Amino acid sequence: MFLYDCLNSKRCLNIRLAAPLAGTNFSILFSAAKFSKRATTYTEHNIIQKEVVKKLIGNIHSNPKKILDLGCGNGAVYELISWDIENFVGVDKATNMCELHPISDKIKLINKDFETLNFENFDMVISSSALQWAKDVETLFQKISSNTDEVAFSIFCDGTFKTIYETAHLKKFLPNQHKLLKILEKYFEFTHEVIDYKLEFTDNLSKFRYIKNSGVSGGERKLSYKDTKKLIDSYPHSYLEFEVMFIWGKVKKKKN
């Protein structure tokens, strides 16, 4: 069920996950190496990412013919495109994820870091649940704006796993939505929406098993076994939190 907050234009989507998931331990932060190692498991457990990409693609109405997908993964964006296209280029540095992507004469897959890509011209650049990992997001936005007409992005922001980070006293690693908006405004004219997703579980252990099987791995600081157990025992909510910002827009016209 959606709950609307008119004061901050954010929405909250509650999703219940009752069945315990396989796996042990937990660590925090996505990495391409972990995604590649857990490609099949990720496909089975990326519940939030599936909801996010459906919303992102469902609000594209221009039917672009030439598309670049940054962080294409196993093809979630491509599989939701319902219009005729001429050319689809997917970029992802996780090899095993690319191996799960659909293939056809219209699809070209590039197995590399999208920040190192030499961009060609496209009608639209799409990225779902990937740009939060960019090391230099402003340079990436600048490159994108020079090689496309339209963009559609979904970006996980620093409200994701908020309670975990507060409880464990860990430093947040995801981008702040307000800082992202200021950067985006330099290069694009767009509409945006922020949704807070809450994924519910029947017990705390299942939450952290979900994190592991979603492809999540450790950042600069990992929790010890003792601290992990303490966090599992003390985590106060029945859900995990995810904050996602959606962007749909066009490249700003350069002033003469």
Foldseek 3Di string as FASTA:
>chain_A
DWDADVVVQAIEAEAEDEDFDDDDDFAFAFDLVLCLVLVVLLVVQVVVLLVQLCVQLVPDDPLWAFEEEEQCFLNSNVVPRDHHHQAYEYEEQRVNRPVNHDDDPRYHYHNDHPVPDDDAATQEYEYGAPLQPDPDSLVVLVNRLVHYWKYKYKYWAQCFQVLVCVVLVHDGRGHHPVVVVVSNVVWWDKDKGKYKYWYFYPALRSQRSSCSSNRGHHDPDTDDPVSRVVCRVPRDDRTGIIMMMIIITTTDDDDD
